[in-house]
């Protein structure tokens, strides 16, 4: 029994030696795969940061309007923190501050005003203002799209993006005969033609009209 056990032990180094190159090759392949996965994840994170940066910039430039929903947070003060709509007169009401006109201002401007007014009552107030929901600026898309309806215009949006948000075209949509109905301050309505196929081929911003508040896209 002792001899057999001894022979078994002697055979194992030989097996390991023969299988060594295979293990090395497998380890090398595994290392390459892991490196590729890590590289892809890093690239995706980088792209997400760019998209987030663009969105943040668009939100920062947005001008608040009536019916928009604002979330105002005051650090360590739950009584002053609240979510509330902008009234039709463009104002909001806050404790200690009272009525505050916010229509036509950015969130940063409103944040600075609230911070300044709270300094009378609070030492070094930390205030954050975000737009919880956009309701003052909208556009509509009607006709042969998957999801017709009204959509918020909280950031710069062009016709191609609006069509994508609406789920794309349905069957028999006349993609070269799309038009935009744009209300004017005079009460008249401007009609803007849009050819989807030309816009796709030329990749030109001039072809891809940027939407304005109140625009209605018609897809016949």
Protein backbone atom coordinates (compact mmCIF):
# COMPACT_ATOMS: atom_id res chain seq x y z
CA UNK A 1 0.00 0.00 0.00
CA UNK A 2 2.81 2.35 0.86
CA UNK A 3 4.53 1.65 -2.47
CA UNK A 4 1.39 2.31 -4.50
CA UNK A 5 0.82 5.58 -2.74
CA UNK A 6 4.39 6.58 -3.41
CA UNK A 7 4.01 5.87 -7.16
CA UNK A 8 0.85 7.92 -7.35
CA UNK A 9 2.62 10.87 -5.84
CA UNK A 10 5.49 10.53 -8.31
CA UNK A 11 3.12 10.59 -11.29
CA UNK A 12 1.51 13.92 -10.36
CA UNK A 13 4.53 16.15 -11.17
CA UNK A 14 4.64 14.65 -14.65
CA UNK A 15 1.00 15.39 -15.25
CA UNK A 16 1.42 18.95 -14.06
CA UNK A 17 4.38 19.45 -16.31
CA UNK A 18 2.50 18.23 -19.37
CA UNK A 19 -0.56 20.33 -18.58
CA UNK A 20 1.48 23.43 -17.68
CA UNK A 21 1.54 25.06 -21.16
CA UNK A 22 -2.22 24.57 -21.49
CA UNK A 23 -2.78 26.32 -18.18
CA UNK A 24 -0.53 29.17 -19.23
CA UNK A 25 -2.40 29.59 -22.55
CA UNK A 26 -5.76 29.51 -20.76
CA UNK A 27 -4.58 32.10 -18.23
CA UNK A 28 -3.34 34.36 -21.02
CA UNK A 29 -6.67 34.16 -22.88
CA UNK A 30 -8.57 34.83 -19.66
CA UNK A 31 -6.41 37.89 -18.98
CA UNK A 32 -7.13 39.25 -22.47
CA UNK A 33 -10.90 38.76 -22.04
CA UNK A 34 -10.87 40.46 -18.64
CA UNK A 35 -8.87 43.38 -20.05
CA UNK A 36 -11.36 43.78 -22.92
CA UNK A 37 -14.33 43.75 -20.51
CA UNK A 38 -12.70 46.32 -18.23
CA UNK A 39 -11.87 48.50 -21.23
CA UNK A 40 -15.46 48.35 -22.51
CA UNK A 41 -16.86 49.22 -19.07
CA UNK A 42 -14.47 52.17 -18.79
CA UNK A 43 -15.51 53.43 -22.21
CA UNK A 44 -19.21 53.13 -21.35
CA UNK A 45 -18.68 55.04 -18.09
CA UNK A 46 -16.85 57.76 -20.01
CA UNK A 47 -19.71 58.04 -22.51
CA UNK A 48 -22.24 58.19 -19.66
CA UNK A 49 -20.32 61.09 -18.13
CA UNK A 50 -20.44 62.98 -21.43
CA UNK A 51 -24.20 62.42 -21.76
CA UNK A 52 -24.76 63.44 -18.15
CA UNK A 53 -22.68 66.57 -18.70
CA UNK A 54 -24.73 67.53 -21.77
CA UNK A 55 -27.98 66.97 -19.88
CA UNK A 56 -26.77 69.02 -16.93
CA UNK A 57 -25.79 71.86 -19.24
CA UNK A 58 -29.18 71.80 -20.99
CA UNK A 59 -31.01 71.86 -17.63
CA UNK A 60 -28.85 74.75 -16.40
CA UNK A 61 -29.88 76.87 -19.40
CA UNK A 62 -33.59 76.10 -19.07
CA UNK A 63 -35.78 79.06 -18.10
CA UNK A 64 -38.44 78.25 -15.53
CA UNK A 65 -42.06 78.90 -16.49
CA UNK A 66 -45.56 78.66 -14.99
CA UNK A 67 -46.72 75.14 -14.03
CA UNK A 68 -43.14 73.79 -13.80
CA UNK A 69 -42.57 71.69 -10.68
CA UNK A 70 -39.57 72.74 -8.58
CA UNK A 71 -37.85 70.85 -5.79
CA UNK A 72 -36.14 73.16 -3.31
CA UNK A 73 -33.84 71.52 -0.77
CA UNK A 74 -32.30 73.33 2.20
CA UNK A 75 -29.65 71.22 3.85
CA UNK A 76 -30.62 70.03 7.36
CA UNK A 77 -33.93 71.89 7.23
CA UNK A 78 -36.86 69.70 6.26
CA UNK A 79 -39.42 72.44 6.99
CA UNK A 80 -37.96 74.73 4.33
CA UNK A 81 -37.39 71.96 1.80
CA UNK A 82 -40.35 71.25 -0.45
CA UNK A 83 -41.61 70.42 -3.94
CA UNK A 84 -44.07 72.90 -5.39
CA UNK A 85 -45.44 74.18 -8.72
CA UNK A 86 -44.81 77.60 -10.20
CA UNK A 87 -48.09 79.51 -10.12
CA UNK A 88 -49.65 81.00 -13.29
CA UNK A 89 -48.31 84.41 -12.20
CA UNK A 90 -44.76 82.96 -12.30
CA UNK A 91 -44.24 83.00 -8.52
CA UNK A 92 -43.71 80.50 -5.71
CA UNK A 93 -44.25 80.89 -1.96
CA UNK A 94 -41.68 79.78 0.62
CA UNK A 95 -41.52 79.98 4.43
CA UNK A 96 -39.49 82.96 5.74
CA UNK A 97 -39.19 84.34 2.20
CA UNK A 98 -42.80 84.70 1.07
CA UNK A 99 -43.62 85.16 -2.60
CA UNK A 100 -40.73 84.87 -5.02
CA UNK A 101 -40.90 85.51 -8.80
CA UNK A 102 -39.09 82.68 -10.59
CA UNK A 103 -40.56 82.62 -14.11
CA UNK A 104 -37.89 83.38 -16.72
CA UNK A 105 -35.02 82.49 -14.37
CA UNK A 106 -32.66 79.51 -14.35
CA UNK A 107 -32.48 77.13 -11.40
CA UNK A 108 -29.05 78.59 -10.52
CA UNK A 109 -30.50 82.11 -10.36
CA UNK A 110 -33.38 80.98 -8.14
CA UNK A 111 -30.96 79.06 -5.94
CA UNK A 112 -28.79 82.17 -5.46
CA UNK A 113 -31.81 84.37 -4.62
CA UNK A 114 -33.16 81.92 -2.02
CA UNK A 115 -29.70 81.50 -0.49
CA UNK A 116 -29.28 85.26 -0.16
CA UNK A 117 -32.69 85.75 1.45
CA UNK A 118 -32.22 82.87 3.90
CA UNK A 119 -28.92 84.29 5.17
CA UNK A 120 -31.00 86.69 7.27
CA UNK A 121 -32.34 83.71 9.25
CA UNK A 122 -29.82 80.90 8.72
CA UNK A 123 -26.03 80.88 8.93
CA UNK A 124 -24.52 79.71 5.63
CA UNK A 125 -27.64 78.07 4.11
CA UNK A 126 -27.00 75.31 1.56
CA UNK A 127 -29.76 75.47 -1.06
CA UNK A 128 -30.37 73.27 -4.10
CA UNK A 129 -33.05 73.95 -6.73
CA UNK A 130 -33.92 71.44 -9.43
CA UNK A 131 -36.72 71.16 -11.97
CA UNK A 132 -38.69 68.09 -10.96
CA UNK A 133 -41.06 68.23 -13.91
CA UNK A 134 -41.28 70.44 -17.01
CA UNK A 135 -44.83 71.59 -17.73
CA UNK A 136 -44.52 75.12 -19.06
CA UNK A 137 -42.74 74.19 -22.29
CA UNK A 138 -44.14 71.40 -24.45
CA UNK A 139 -44.45 70.22 -28.03
CA UNK A 140 -46.83 67.76 -29.65
CA UNK A 141 -46.36 65.12 -32.31
CA UNK A 142 -49.41 63.75 -34.10
CA UNK A 143 -50.16 61.37 -36.94
CA UNK A 144 -48.42 58.17 -37.95
CA UNK A 145 -45.99 57.69 -35.07
CA UNK A 146 -46.02 54.95 -32.45
CA UNK A 147 -46.67 57.24 -29.48
CA UNK A 148 -48.45 60.47 -30.53
CA UNK A 149 -49.07 63.05 -27.84
CA UNK A 150 -47.62 65.99 -25.93
CA UNK A 151 -44.03 65.93 -24.64
CA UNK A 152 -42.02 68.21 -22.32
CA UNK A 153 -39.50 70.54 -23.93
CA UNK A 154 -37.08 70.73 -21.04
CA UNK A 155 -33.94 70.75 -23.19
CA UNK A 156 -33.07 71.60 -26.81
CA UNK A 157 -34.89 69.07 -29.00
CA UNK A 158 -34.90 68.71 -32.79
CA UNK A 159 -37.45 67.01 -35.03
CA UNK A 160 -35.42 63.80 -35.52
CA UNK A 161 -35.09 63.39 -31.77
CA UNK A 162 -38.80 64.09 -31.26
CA UNK A 163 -39.69 61.36 -33.77
CA UNK A 164 -37.40 58.92 -31.94
CA UNK A 165 -38.96 59.83 -28.57
CA UNK A 166 -42.40 59.17 -30.08
CA UNK A 167 -41.31 55.64 -31.01
CA UNK A 168 -40.67 56.22 -34.72
CA UNK A 169 -43.01 55.93 -37.66
CA UNK A 170 -45.90 53.55 -38.13
CA UNK A 171 -46.75 51.89 -41.45
CA UNK A 172 -47.43 54.10 -44.47
CA UNK A 173 -46.10 57.29 -42.84
CA UNK A 174 -45.23 59.87 -45.49
CA UNK A 175 -41.77 60.66 -44.23
CA UNK A 176 -41.02 63.34 -46.85
CA UNK A 177 -44.22 65.32 -46.14
CA UNK A 178 -43.89 66.02 -42.44
CA UNK A 179 -44.63 69.56 -41.34
CA UNK A 180 -44.44 71.63 -38.15
CA UNK A 181 -47.18 74.02 -37.06
CA UNK A 182 -45.60 76.85 -35.04
CA UNK A 183 -47.76 79.48 -33.29
CA UNK A 184 -46.54 83.06 -33.58
CA UNK A 185 -46.97 85.95 -31.16
CA UNK A 186 -49.26 87.68 -33.68
CA UNK A 187 -51.73 84.80 -33.40
CA UNK A 188 -50.92 83.39 -36.83
CA UNK A 189 -49.50 79.90 -37.37
CA UNK A 190 -46.31 79.27 -39.33
CA UNK A 191 -46.01 76.02 -41.28
CA UNK A 192 -42.53 74.53 -41.64
CA UNK A 193 -41.94 71.61 -44.02
CA UNK A 194 -39.66 68.76 -42.93
CA UNK A 195 -38.31 65.97 -45.12
CA UNK A 196 -37.16 63.12 -42.90
CA UNK A 197 -35.23 61.32 -45.65
CA UNK A 198 -33.25 64.43 -46.63
CA UNK A 199 -32.46 65.23 -43.01
CA UNK A 200 -31.11 61.72 -42.48
CA UNK A 201 -28.96 61.76 -45.63
CA UNK A 202 -27.47 65.23 -45.24
CA UNK A 203 -26.85 65.17 -41.47
CA UNK A 204 -27.37 68.93 -41.48
CA UNK A 205 -28.66 70.84 -38.42
CA UNK A 206 -30.34 73.25 -40.82
CA UNK A 207 -32.48 70.39 -42.14
CA UNK A 208 -33.22 69.14 -38.61
CA UNK A 209 -35.38 71.95 -37.21
CA UNK A 210 -35.07 72.76 -33.52
CA UNK A 211 -38.43 72.78 -31.78
CA UNK A 212 -39.95 75.71 -29.93
CA UNK A 213 -42.54 75.84 -27.18
CA UNK A 214 -45.99 75.06 -28.58
CA UNK A 215 -44.80 73.40 -31.82
CA UNK A 216 -46.90 70.61 -33.27
CA UNK A 217 -45.29 68.02 -35.57
CA UNK A 218 -47.67 66.42 -38.04
CA UNK A 219 -46.70 63.09 -39.62
CA UNK A 220 -49.25 62.37 -42.39
